[in-house]
Amino acid sequence: MSHQLNAHLGLNGRRPGRLSGFWRDHRGVSAVEFALIAPVMILFYCGMAELSQAMMAQRRLSHLASTIGDLVAQSPQLTDARRTDIFTIGAVIMAPFPTTTLRMCLVNVSSDATGKDTVDWSENNNNHPDCPAKGAVLASGVVPVGVLPASQSVVMAKASYGYSSPIKLVLPSTLNFNRTFYLRPRKSETVLRVAG
């Protein structure tokens, strides 16, 4: 009887505690490890998704700016209907990103014999903040000298986009992207702006 009692109580005569059994029990280790690692992994995953989307928006904006400038440079003149079509094409290129913060600007700049750069015409879509007005004289260096030699003209296409992440976990604020492309007219010395 005493032998059975000692076996029940343990070697030292005390009943084995639940705490010692708890530390030896490994059944919940995976759940605890997952609970510790999961928040970091979720943050990492969301951060990668947000950064990937931001980079995609930036690349689309670059493609958009070069495309709308190229479309203007392909024709000797820009009409109202063509301008509207080009801005519509720009918005389509930006899809599936929302276009409420998309701003586009098309400008034809001519340089005189002295190298003074003047805006011949300017088309602004959705209030681009950095779109020069018609007749404005651009400061030296706005258009690189290698891009616009004296007595020639160039089409300047500008686009800006405010990217706002739908998750806002890693990128809580809006990122503003800006792109500018310069293209020489292909079929004429300059692209004329005509009504109609």
N, C-alpha and C. Protein backbone atom coordinates (compact mmCIF):
# COMPACT_ATOMS: atom_id res chain seq x y z
N MET A 1 0.83 -1.20 0.00
CA MET A 1 0.00 0.00 0.00
C MET A 1 0.87 1.25 0.00
N SER A 2 1.91 1.29 0.82
CA SER A 2 2.80 2.45 0.87
C SER A 2 3.57 2.60 -0.43
N HIS A 3 3.90 1.47 -1.06
CA HIS A 3 4.61 1.51 -2.35
C HIS A 3 3.74 2.17 -3.43
N GLN A 4 2.45 1.83 -3.42
CA GLN A 4 1.53 2.44 -4.38
C GLN A 4 1.33 3.93 -4.09
N LEU A 5 1.31 4.29 -2.83
CA LEU A 5 1.14 5.69 -2.45
C LEU A 5 2.36 6.50 -2.87
N ASN A 6 3.58 5.93 -2.66
CA ASN A 6 4.80 6.63 -3.08
C ASN A 6 4.86 6.79 -4.60
N ALA A 7 4.43 5.78 -5.30
CA ALA A 7 4.41 5.88 -6.76
C ALA A 7 3.44 6.95 -7.22
N HIS A 8 2.32 7.07 -6.50
CA HIS A 8 1.33 8.08 -6.87
C HIS A 8 1.83 9.49 -6.55
N LEU A 9 2.53 9.64 -5.45
CA LEU A 9 3.00 10.96 -5.03
C LEU A 9 4.31 11.37 -5.70
N GLY A 10 5.08 10.40 -6.25
CA GLY A 10 6.37 10.69 -6.83
C GLY A 10 7.48 10.25 -5.91
N LEU A 11 8.73 10.42 -6.33
CA LEU A 11 9.87 9.95 -5.58
C LEU A 11 10.06 10.70 -4.28
N ASN A 12 9.79 11.96 -4.26
CA ASN A 12 10.02 12.76 -3.07
C ASN A 12 8.80 12.83 -2.18
N GLY A 13 7.79 12.07 -2.48
CA GLY A 13 6.60 12.03 -1.64
C GLY A 13 5.61 13.13 -1.92
N ARG A 14 5.85 13.95 -2.97
CA ARG A 14 4.89 15.01 -3.31
C ARG A 14 4.20 14.69 -4.62
N ARG A 15 3.02 15.15 -4.75
CA ARG A 15 2.27 14.95 -5.99
C ARG A 15 2.89 15.81 -7.10
N PRO A 16 3.13 15.26 -8.33
CA PRO A 16 3.73 16.07 -9.40
C PRO A 16 2.83 17.26 -9.75
N GLY A 17 3.41 18.46 -9.82
CA GLY A 17 2.64 19.67 -10.07
C GLY A 17 2.20 19.81 -11.51
N ARG A 18 1.16 20.59 -11.69
CA ARG A 18 0.66 20.82 -13.05
C ARG A 18 1.60 21.73 -13.85
N LEU A 19 2.33 22.59 -13.13
CA LEU A 19 3.23 23.52 -13.80
C LEU A 19 4.36 22.79 -14.52
N SER A 20 4.93 21.79 -13.86
CA SER A 20 6.01 21.04 -14.51
C SER A 20 5.49 20.29 -15.73
N GLY A 21 4.27 19.82 -15.66
CA GLY A 21 3.67 19.16 -16.82
C GLY A 21 3.39 20.14 -17.94
N PHE A 22 3.07 21.39 -17.58
CA PHE A 22 2.79 22.41 -18.58
C PHE A 22 4.04 22.73 -19.40
N TRP A 23 5.20 22.85 -18.72
CA TRP A 23 6.44 23.18 -19.42
C TRP A 23 6.91 22.04 -20.32
N ARG A 24 6.55 20.83 -19.98
CA ARG A 24 6.96 19.69 -20.81
C ARG A 24 5.99 19.43 -21.96
N ASP A 25 4.82 20.04 -21.92
CA ASP A 25 3.81 19.82 -22.95
C ASP A 25 4.11 20.70 -24.17
N HIS A 26 4.35 20.09 -25.32
CA HIS A 26 4.71 20.82 -26.54
C HIS A 26 3.55 20.92 -27.53
N ARG A 27 2.37 20.60 -27.12
CA ARG A 27 1.25 20.59 -28.06
C ARG A 27 0.87 21.98 -28.56
N GLY A 28 1.08 23.03 -27.80
CA GLY A 28 0.66 24.38 -28.22
C GLY A 28 1.79 25.24 -28.74
N VAL A 29 2.99 24.66 -28.91
CA VAL A 29 4.14 25.45 -29.34
C VAL A 29 3.92 26.08 -30.71
N SER A 30 3.39 25.31 -31.65
CA SER A 30 3.17 25.84 -33.00
C SER A 30 2.19 27.00 -33.01
N ALA A 31 1.15 26.89 -32.20
CA ALA A 31 0.17 27.97 -32.14
C ALA A 31 0.78 29.24 -31.55
N VAL A 32 1.61 29.11 -30.54
CA VAL A 32 2.26 30.27 -29.92
C VAL A 32 3.25 30.90 -30.90
N GLU A 33 4.03 30.07 -31.60
CA GLU A 33 4.97 30.60 -32.59
C GLU A 33 4.25 31.32 -33.71
N PHE A 34 3.15 30.76 -34.15
CA PHE A 34 2.37 31.41 -35.21
C PHE A 34 1.82 32.75 -34.73
N ALA A 35 1.35 32.79 -33.48
CA ALA A 35 0.81 34.04 -32.94
C ALA A 35 1.87 35.12 -32.85
N LEU A 36 3.11 34.72 -32.61
CA LEU A 36 4.20 35.70 -32.54
C LEU A 36 4.67 36.16 -33.92
N ILE A 37 4.69 35.24 -34.88
CA ILE A 37 5.22 35.55 -36.21
C ILE A 37 4.17 36.16 -37.15
N ALA A 38 2.91 35.81 -36.96
CA ALA A 38 1.84 36.23 -37.89
C ALA A 38 1.77 37.74 -38.09
N PRO A 39 1.80 38.57 -37.03
CA PRO A 39 1.72 40.02 -37.28
C PRO A 39 2.85 40.55 -38.15
N VAL A 40 4.07 40.02 -37.93
CA VAL A 40 5.22 40.46 -38.73
C VAL A 40 5.05 40.04 -40.19
N MET A 41 4.58 38.81 -40.39
CA MET A 41 4.39 38.31 -41.75
C MET A 41 3.28 39.07 -42.48
N ILE A 42 2.21 39.38 -41.77
CA ILE A 42 1.11 40.14 -42.38
C ILE A 42 1.58 41.54 -42.77
N LEU A 43 2.37 42.18 -41.87
CA LEU A 43 2.91 43.50 -42.16
C LEU A 43 3.84 43.45 -43.38
N PHE A 44 4.68 42.43 -43.44
CA PHE A 44 5.60 42.27 -44.56
C PHE A 44 4.83 42.05 -45.86
N TYR A 45 3.81 41.21 -45.83
CA TYR A 45 3.02 40.92 -47.03
C TYR A 45 2.29 42.17 -47.52
N CYS A 46 1.64 42.88 -46.60
CA CYS A 46 0.91 44.10 -46.98
C CYS A 46 1.87 45.16 -47.51
N GLY A 47 3.05 45.27 -46.88
CA GLY A 47 4.04 46.24 -47.33
C GLY A 47 4.52 45.95 -48.74
N MET A 48 4.77 44.68 -49.03
CA MET A 48 5.20 44.30 -50.37
C MET A 48 4.10 44.57 -51.40
N ALA A 49 2.85 44.29 -51.00
CA ALA A 49 1.73 44.54 -51.92
C ALA A 49 1.59 46.03 -52.20
N GLU A 50 1.70 46.86 -51.16
CA GLU A 50 1.57 48.31 -51.33
C GLU A 50 2.70 48.87 -52.19
N LEU A 51 3.94 48.45 -51.92
CA LEU A 51 5.06 48.95 -52.70
C LEU A 51 5.00 48.50 -54.16
N SER A 52 4.55 47.27 -54.37
CA SER A 52 4.42 46.77 -55.74
C SER A 52 3.38 47.58 -56.52
N GLN A 53 2.26 47.88 -55.88
CA GLN A 53 1.22 48.68 -56.54
C GLN A 53 1.72 50.10 -56.83
N ALA A 54 2.47 50.67 -55.89
CA ALA A 54 3.01 52.02 -56.10
C ALA A 54 3.99 52.04 -57.27
N MET A 55 4.84 51.02 -57.35
CA MET A 55 5.79 50.94 -58.46
C MET A 55 5.07 50.75 -59.79
N MET A 56 3.99 49.98 -59.78
CA MET A 56 3.21 49.78 -61.00
C MET A 56 2.56 51.09 -61.44
N ALA A 57 2.04 51.85 -60.49
CA ALA A 57 1.43 53.15 -60.83
C ALA A 57 2.47 54.10 -61.40
N GLN A 58 3.67 54.08 -60.83
CA GLN A 58 4.74 54.95 -61.32
C GLN A 58 5.15 54.58 -62.75
N ARG A 59 5.24 53.30 -63.03
CA ARG A 59 5.61 52.86 -64.38
C ARG A 59 4.51 53.20 -65.39
N ARG A 60 3.26 53.06 -64.98
CA ARG A 60 2.17 53.42 -65.90
C ARG A 60 2.17 54.91 -66.19
N LEU A 61 2.51 55.70 -65.19
CA LEU A 61 2.56 57.15 -65.41
C LEU A 61 3.67 57.49 -66.41
N SER A 62 4.81 56.84 -66.31
CA SER A 62 5.90 57.07 -67.27
C SER A 62 5.45 56.69 -68.68
N HIS A 63 4.80 55.55 -68.80
CA HIS A 63 4.31 55.11 -70.11
C HIS A 63 3.26 56.08 -70.64
N LEU A 64 2.40 56.56 -69.77
CA LEU A 64 1.36 57.52 -70.15
C LEU A 64 1.97 58.80 -70.70
N ALA A 65 2.93 59.37 -69.97
CA ALA A 65 3.53 60.64 -70.39
C ALA A 65 4.23 60.51 -71.74
N SER A 66 4.97 59.42 -71.93
CA SER A 66 5.65 59.24 -73.21
C SER A 66 4.67 59.02 -74.35
N THR A 67 3.56 58.32 -74.07
CA THR A 67 2.58 58.02 -75.11
C THR A 67 1.83 59.27 -75.57
N ILE A 68 1.35 60.08 -74.61
CA ILE A 68 0.58 61.26 -75.03
C ILE A 68 1.48 62.26 -75.76
N GLY A 69 2.74 62.36 -75.35
CA GLY A 69 3.67 63.23 -76.05
C GLY A 69 3.95 62.72 -77.45
N ASP A 70 4.10 61.42 -77.59
CA ASP A 70 4.36 60.81 -78.89
C ASP A 70 3.18 61.00 -79.83
N LEU A 71 1.96 60.87 -79.30
CA LEU A 71 0.77 61.05 -80.14
C LEU A 71 0.68 62.48 -80.68
N VAL A 72 1.07 63.45 -79.88
CA VAL A 72 1.06 64.84 -80.35
C VAL A 72 2.15 65.05 -81.40
N ALA A 73 3.33 64.49 -81.15
CA ALA A 73 4.47 64.71 -82.05
C ALA A 73 4.28 64.04 -83.41
N GLN A 74 3.37 63.09 -83.51
CA GLN A 74 3.16 62.38 -84.78
C GLN A 74 2.37 63.18 -85.80
N SER A 75 1.72 64.24 -85.37
CA SER A 75 0.86 65.00 -86.28
C SER A 75 1.37 66.44 -86.39
N PRO A 76 1.20 67.08 -87.56
CA PRO A 76 1.65 68.47 -87.70
C PRO A 76 0.77 69.48 -86.99
N GLN A 77 -0.42 69.04 -86.54
CA GLN A 77 -1.29 69.96 -85.82
C GLN A 77 -2.09 69.23 -84.74
N LEU A 78 -2.54 69.99 -83.75
CA LEU A 78 -3.34 69.44 -82.66
C LEU A 78 -4.68 70.16 -82.64
N THR A 79 -5.74 69.40 -82.85
CA THR A 79 -7.09 69.96 -82.83
C THR A 79 -7.73 69.70 -81.46
N ASP A 80 -8.89 70.33 -81.24
CA ASP A 80 -9.61 70.12 -79.98
C ASP A 80 -9.99 68.65 -79.81
N ALA A 81 -10.50 68.05 -80.90
CA ALA A 81 -10.95 66.65 -80.82
C ALA A 81 -9.77 65.73 -80.55
N ARG A 82 -8.64 66.00 -81.21
CA ARG A 82 -7.46 65.16 -81.00
C ARG A 82 -6.93 65.30 -79.58
N ARG A 83 -6.93 66.52 -79.07
CA ARG A 83 -6.51 66.76 -77.69
C ARG A 83 -7.36 65.97 -76.71
N THR A 84 -8.69 66.01 -76.90
CA THR A 84 -9.60 65.27 -76.02
C THR A 84 -9.33 63.78 -76.10
N ASP A 85 -9.11 63.29 -77.31
CA ASP A 85 -8.82 61.86 -77.48
C ASP A 85 -7.52 61.46 -76.79
N ILE A 86 -6.51 62.30 -76.91
CA ILE A 86 -5.20 61.99 -76.30
C ILE A 86 -5.31 61.95 -74.78
N PHE A 87 -6.03 62.89 -74.20
CA PHE A 87 -6.20 62.87 -72.74
C PHE A 87 -7.03 61.66 -72.30
N THR A 88 -7.98 61.25 -73.12
CA THR A 88 -8.77 60.05 -72.81
C THR A 88 -7.89 58.81 -72.87
N ILE A 89 -7.02 58.75 -73.86
CA ILE A 89 -6.07 57.63 -73.97
C ILE A 89 -5.17 57.57 -72.74
N GLY A 90 -4.73 58.73 -72.28
CA GLY A 90 -3.89 58.77 -71.08
C GLY A 90 -4.60 58.19 -69.87
N ALA A 91 -5.87 58.52 -69.70
CA ALA A 91 -6.64 57.97 -68.57
C ALA A 91 -6.81 56.46 -68.70
N VAL A 92 -6.98 55.98 -69.94
CA VAL A 92 -7.13 54.54 -70.15
C VAL A 92 -5.82 53.81 -69.82
N ILE A 93 -4.70 54.40 -70.17
CA ILE A 93 -3.40 53.79 -69.87
C ILE A 93 -3.22 53.63 -68.37
N MET A 94 -3.73 54.56 -67.60
CA MET A 94 -3.55 54.53 -66.14
C MET A 94 -4.41 53.47 -65.47
N ALA A 95 -5.45 52.97 -66.15
CA ALA A 95 -6.32 51.95 -65.56
C ALA A 95 -5.50 50.71 -65.18
N PRO A 96 -5.87 50.02 -64.11
CA PRO A 96 -7.08 50.14 -63.30
C PRO A 96 -6.96 51.11 -62.13
N PHE A 97 -5.91 51.92 -62.09
CA PHE A 97 -5.78 52.88 -61.01
C PHE A 97 -6.79 54.01 -61.19
N PRO A 98 -7.35 54.53 -60.11
CA PRO A 98 -8.30 55.65 -60.24
C PRO A 98 -7.61 56.88 -60.82
N THR A 99 -8.35 57.63 -61.62
CA THR A 99 -7.74 58.76 -62.33
C THR A 99 -8.12 60.12 -61.75
N THR A 100 -8.69 60.14 -60.56
CA THR A 100 -9.09 61.43 -59.97
C THR A 100 -7.89 62.32 -59.68
N THR A 101 -6.73 61.73 -59.39
CA THR A 101 -5.53 62.52 -59.10
C THR A 101 -4.57 62.58 -60.28
N LEU A 102 -5.01 62.09 -61.44
CA LEU A 102 -4.17 62.12 -62.63
C LEU A 102 -4.27 63.50 -63.29
N ARG A 103 -3.11 64.09 -63.56
CA ARG A 103 -3.05 65.40 -64.22
C ARG A 103 -2.08 65.32 -65.39
N MET A 104 -2.52 65.86 -66.52
CA MET A 104 -1.69 65.80 -67.73
C MET A 104 -1.54 67.19 -68.33
N CYS A 105 -0.43 67.38 -69.02
CA CYS A 105 -0.13 68.68 -69.62
C CYS A 105 0.62 68.45 -70.93
N LEU A 106 0.17 69.11 -71.99
CA LEU A 106 0.82 69.05 -73.30
C LEU A 106 1.22 70.46 -73.70
N VAL A 107 2.48 70.62 -74.08
CA VAL A 107 3.00 71.95 -74.38
C VAL A 107 3.90 71.86 -75.61
N ASN A 108 3.82 72.87 -76.46
CA ASN A 108 4.78 73.00 -77.56
C ASN A 108 5.68 74.19 -77.25
N VAL A 109 6.97 73.93 -77.20
CA VAL A 109 7.95 74.97 -76.84
C VAL A 109 8.84 75.22 -78.04
N SER A 110 9.03 76.50 -78.38
CA SER A 110 9.92 76.89 -79.47
C SER A 110 11.06 77.72 -78.92
N SER A 111 12.22 77.52 -79.54
CA SER A 111 13.39 78.29 -79.14
C SER A 111 13.77 79.22 -80.29
N ASP A 112 14.06 80.48 -79.98
CA ASP A 112 14.45 81.41 -81.05
C ASP A 112 15.95 81.33 -81.29
N ALA A 113 16.45 82.22 -82.14
CA ALA A 113 17.87 82.18 -82.51
C ALA A 113 18.79 82.43 -81.33
N THR A 114 18.28 83.15 -80.33
CA THR A 114 19.11 83.45 -79.15
C THR A 114 19.01 82.36 -78.09
N GLY A 115 18.14 81.37 -78.32
CA GLY A 115 17.99 80.29 -77.34
C GLY A 115 16.92 80.54 -76.30
N LYS A 116 16.08 81.57 -76.51
CA LYS A 116 15.00 81.85 -75.56
C LYS A 116 13.84 80.90 -75.85
N ASP A 117 13.39 80.15 -74.84
CA ASP A 117 12.33 79.16 -75.00
C ASP A 117 10.98 79.76 -74.64
N THR A 118 10.04 79.69 -75.59
CA THR A 118 8.71 80.27 -75.41
C THR A 118 7.65 79.21 -75.66
N VAL A 119 6.59 79.22 -74.85
CA VAL A 119 5.49 78.27 -74.98
C VAL A 119 4.56 78.75 -76.10
N ASP A 120 4.45 77.96 -77.18
CA ASP A 120 3.57 78.30 -78.30
C ASP A 120 2.10 78.06 -77.92
N TRP A 121 1.82 76.92 -77.34
CA TRP A 121 0.48 76.60 -76.87
C TRP A 121 0.59 75.61 -75.71
N SER A 122 -0.44 75.58 -74.91
CA SER A 122 -0.43 74.73 -73.72
C SER A 122 -1.82 74.16 -73.48
N GLU A 123 -1.88 72.86 -73.21
CA GLU A 123 -3.15 72.19 -72.91
C GLU A 123 -3.02 71.50 -71.55
N ASN A 124 -3.90 71.90 -70.64
CA ASN A 124 -3.84 71.39 -69.26
C ASN A 124 -5.07 70.54 -68.98
N ASN A 125 -4.85 69.35 -68.44
CA ASN A 125 -5.95 68.46 -68.10
C ASN A 125 -5.97 68.23 -66.59
N ASN A 126 -7.09 68.53 -65.96
CA ASN A 126 -7.29 68.32 -64.52
C ASN A 126 -6.34 69.17 -63.68
N ASN A 127 -6.05 70.38 -64.16
CA ASN A 127 -5.27 71.37 -63.42
C ASN A 127 -3.89 70.88 -63.00
N HIS A 128 -3.09 70.49 -63.98
CA HIS A 128 -1.70 70.12 -63.68
C HIS A 128 -1.00 71.33 -63.07
N PRO A 129 -0.40 71.19 -61.89
CA PRO A 129 0.15 72.37 -61.20
C PRO A 129 1.40 72.96 -61.86
N ASP A 130 2.08 72.20 -62.69
CA ASP A 130 3.34 72.66 -63.26
C ASP A 130 3.25 72.79 -64.79
N CYS A 131 2.09 73.18 -65.27
CA CYS A 131 1.87 73.32 -66.71
C CYS A 131 2.04 74.79 -67.09
N PRO A 132 3.06 75.12 -67.88
CA PRO A 132 3.27 76.54 -68.23
C PRO A 132 2.17 77.06 -69.15
N ALA A 133 1.86 78.32 -69.01
CA ALA A 133 0.81 78.94 -69.81
C ALA A 133 1.33 79.34 -71.18
N LYS A 134 0.39 79.49 -72.10
CA LYS A 134 0.72 79.93 -73.46
C LYS A 134 1.40 81.29 -73.40
N GLY A 135 2.48 81.44 -74.16
CA GLY A 135 3.21 82.70 -74.20
C GLY A 135 4.27 82.84 -73.12
N ALA A 136 4.32 81.91 -72.17
CA ALA A 136 5.31 82.01 -71.09
C ALA A 136 6.71 81.76 -71.63
N VAL A 137 7.65 82.52 -71.09
CA VAL A 137 9.06 82.32 -71.42
C VAL A 137 9.66 81.44 -70.33
N LEU A 138 10.16 80.29 -70.73
CA LEU A 138 10.69 79.34 -69.77
C LEU A 138 12.08 79.72 -69.33
N ALA A 139 12.33 79.50 -68.06
CA ALA A 139 13.66 79.81 -67.52
C ALA A 139 14.70 78.88 -68.14
N SER A 140 15.92 79.35 -68.15
CA SER A 140 17.01 78.55 -68.70
C SER A 140 17.15 77.24 -67.92
N GLY A 141 17.23 76.15 -68.65
CA GLY A 141 17.39 74.85 -68.01
C GLY A 141 16.11 74.08 -67.81
N VAL A 142 14.94 74.73 -67.98
CA VAL A 142 13.68 74.00 -67.86
C VAL A 142 13.61 72.93 -68.93
N VAL A 143 13.93 73.32 -70.16
CA VAL A 143 14.08 72.34 -71.25
C VAL A 143 15.57 72.21 -71.50
N PRO A 144 16.14 71.02 -71.36
CA PRO A 144 17.58 70.86 -71.56
C PRO A 144 18.03 71.34 -72.95
N VAL A 145 19.21 71.96 -73.02
CA VAL A 145 19.72 72.52 -74.27
C VAL A 145 19.87 71.44 -75.33
N GLY A 146 20.27 70.27 -74.96
CA GLY A 146 20.42 69.18 -75.92
C GLY A 146 19.11 68.71 -76.51
N VAL A 147 18.02 68.97 -75.79
CA VAL A 147 16.69 68.56 -76.26
C VAL A 147 16.11 69.59 -77.21
N LEU A 148 16.36 70.86 -76.96
CA LEU A 148 15.77 71.94 -77.77
C LEU A 148 16.87 72.91 -78.23
N PRO A 149 17.46 72.65 -79.40
CA PRO A 149 18.46 73.59 -79.94
C PRO A 149 17.79 74.89 -80.39
N ALA A 150 18.58 75.89 -80.62
CA ALA A 150 18.06 77.19 -81.07
C ALA A 150 17.32 77.06 -82.39
N SER A 151 16.25 77.85 -82.54
CA SER A 151 15.42 77.92 -83.74
C SER A 151 14.68 76.62 -84.04
N GLN A 152 14.40 75.83 -83.04
CA GLN A 152 13.63 74.60 -83.22
C GLN A 152 12.53 74.52 -82.16
N SER A 153 11.70 73.46 -82.26
CA SER A 153 10.62 73.30 -81.29
C SER A 153 10.57 71.86 -80.79
N VAL A 154 9.90 71.69 -79.67
CA VAL A 154 9.77 70.37 -79.06
C VAL A 154 8.42 70.28 -78.35
N VAL A 155 7.87 69.07 -78.33
CA VAL A 155 6.64 68.82 -77.59
C VAL A 155 7.03 68.34 -76.19
N MET A 156 6.49 68.99 -75.19
CA MET A 156 6.74 68.60 -73.81
C MET A 156 5.46 68.00 -73.23
N ALA A 157 5.55 66.76 -72.77
CA ALA A 157 4.41 66.08 -72.15
C ALA A 157 4.71 65.88 -70.68
N LYS A 158 3.82 66.37 -69.83
CA LYS A 158 4.01 66.23 -68.38
C LYS A 158 2.81 65.49 -67.80
N ALA A 159 3.08 64.66 -66.82
CA ALA A 159 2.00 63.94 -66.14
C ALA A 159 2.35 63.80 -64.67
N SER A 160 1.36 63.95 -63.82
CA SER A 160 1.56 63.75 -62.38
C SER A 160 0.43 62.88 -61.85
N TYR A 161 0.72 62.14 -60.80
CA TYR A 161 -0.27 61.23 -60.22
C TYR A 161 -0.06 61.11 -58.72
N GLY A 162 -1.13 61.22 -57.98
CA GLY A 162 -1.09 61.03 -56.53
C GLY A 162 -1.57 59.64 -56.20
N TYR A 163 -0.62 58.75 -55.85
CA TYR A 163 -0.97 57.37 -55.54
C TYR A 163 -1.32 57.24 -54.06
N SER A 164 -2.51 56.74 -53.80
CA SER A 164 -2.96 56.50 -52.43
C SER A 164 -3.26 55.02 -52.28
N SER A 165 -2.55 54.36 -51.36
CA SER A 165 -2.71 52.93 -51.17
C SER A 165 -4.07 52.61 -50.56
N PRO A 166 -4.74 51.57 -51.06
CA PRO A 166 -6.03 51.19 -50.46
C PRO A 166 -5.88 50.56 -49.09
N ILE A 167 -4.68 50.03 -48.78
CA ILE A 167 -4.46 49.38 -47.48
C ILE A 167 -4.02 50.39 -46.44
N LYS A 168 -3.09 51.27 -46.80
CA LYS A 168 -2.55 52.33 -45.93
C LYS A 168 -1.91 51.78 -44.65
N LEU A 169 -1.30 50.61 -44.75
CA LEU A 169 -0.63 50.03 -43.59
C LEU A 169 0.83 50.47 -43.55
N VAL A 170 1.52 50.39 -44.68
CA VAL A 170 2.92 50.80 -44.77
C VAL A 170 3.04 52.18 -45.42
N LEU A 171 2.13 52.50 -46.35
CA LEU A 171 2.13 53.80 -47.03
C LEU A 171 0.86 54.56 -46.66
N PRO A 172 0.83 55.17 -45.48
CA PRO A 172 -0.41 55.85 -45.05
C PRO A 172 -0.70 57.15 -45.79
N SER A 173 0.34 57.78 -46.34
CA SER A 173 0.12 59.06 -47.02
C SER A 173 0.22 58.87 -48.54
N THR A 174 -0.22 59.89 -49.26
CA THR A 174 -0.22 59.85 -50.73
C THR A 174 1.18 60.07 -51.28
N LEU A 175 1.56 59.25 -52.26
CA LEU A 175 2.84 59.43 -52.96
C LEU A 175 2.57 60.18 -54.26
N ASN A 176 3.32 61.22 -54.52
CA ASN A 176 3.15 62.02 -55.73
C ASN A 176 4.25 61.70 -56.73
N PHE A 177 3.84 61.24 -57.92
CA PHE A 177 4.77 60.91 -58.98
C PHE A 177 4.65 61.95 -60.09
N ASN A 178 5.78 62.32 -60.67
CA ASN A 178 5.82 63.30 -61.77
C ASN A 178 6.73 62.78 -62.88
N ARG A 179 6.27 62.92 -64.11
CA ARG A 179 7.07 62.50 -65.25
C ARG A 179 6.98 63.56 -66.34
N THR A 180 8.11 63.82 -67.03
CA THR A 180 8.17 64.77 -68.14
C THR A 180 8.94 64.13 -69.29
N PHE A 181 8.37 64.22 -70.49
CA PHE A 181 9.01 63.69 -71.69
C PHE A 181 9.05 64.79 -72.75
N TYR A 182 10.14 64.80 -73.53
CA TYR A 182 10.31 65.75 -74.62
C TYR A 182 10.40 64.97 -75.92
N LEU A 183 9.61 65.38 -76.91
CA LEU A 183 9.62 64.69 -78.20
C LEU A 183 9.65 65.71 -79.34
N ARG A 184 10.49 65.45 -80.32
CA ARG A 184 10.59 66.32 -81.48
C ARG A 184 9.44 66.03 -82.44
N PRO A 185 8.84 67.06 -83.05
CA PRO A 185 7.80 66.83 -84.06
C PRO A 185 8.35 65.98 -85.21
N ARG A 186 7.52 65.06 -85.71
CA ARG A 186 8.00 64.13 -86.72
C ARG A 186 7.70 64.56 -88.15
N LYS A 187 6.56 65.23 -88.36
CA LYS A 187 6.13 65.53 -89.73
C LYS A 187 6.21 67.01 -90.08
N SER A 188 6.67 67.83 -89.16
CA SER A 188 6.76 69.27 -89.40
C SER A 188 7.80 69.86 -88.45
N GLU A 189 8.11 71.12 -88.68
CA GLU A 189 9.09 71.79 -87.81
C GLU A 189 8.50 72.04 -86.42
N THR A 190 7.18 72.25 -86.38
CA THR A 190 6.51 72.48 -85.11
C THR A 190 5.08 71.94 -85.21
N VAL A 191 4.48 71.63 -84.06
CA VAL A 191 3.08 71.17 -84.03
C VAL A 191 2.22 72.40 -83.78
N LEU A 192 1.32 72.67 -84.72
CA LEU A 192 0.45 73.83 -84.61
C LEU A 192 -0.81 73.47 -83.84
N ARG A 193 -1.29 74.41 -83.06
CA ARG A 193 -2.56 74.24 -82.33
C ARG A 193 -3.65 74.93 -83.11
N VAL A 194 -4.62 74.14 -83.60
CA VAL A 194 -5.73 74.68 -84.38
C VAL A 194 -7.05 74.34 -83.72
N ALA A 195 -8.03 75.21 -83.91
CA ALA A 195 -9.36 74.97 -83.34
C ALA A 195 -10.10 73.94 -84.19
N GLY A 196 -11.02 73.22 -83.54
CA GLY A 196 -11.84 72.27 -84.27
C GLY A 196 -11.50 70.83 -84.02
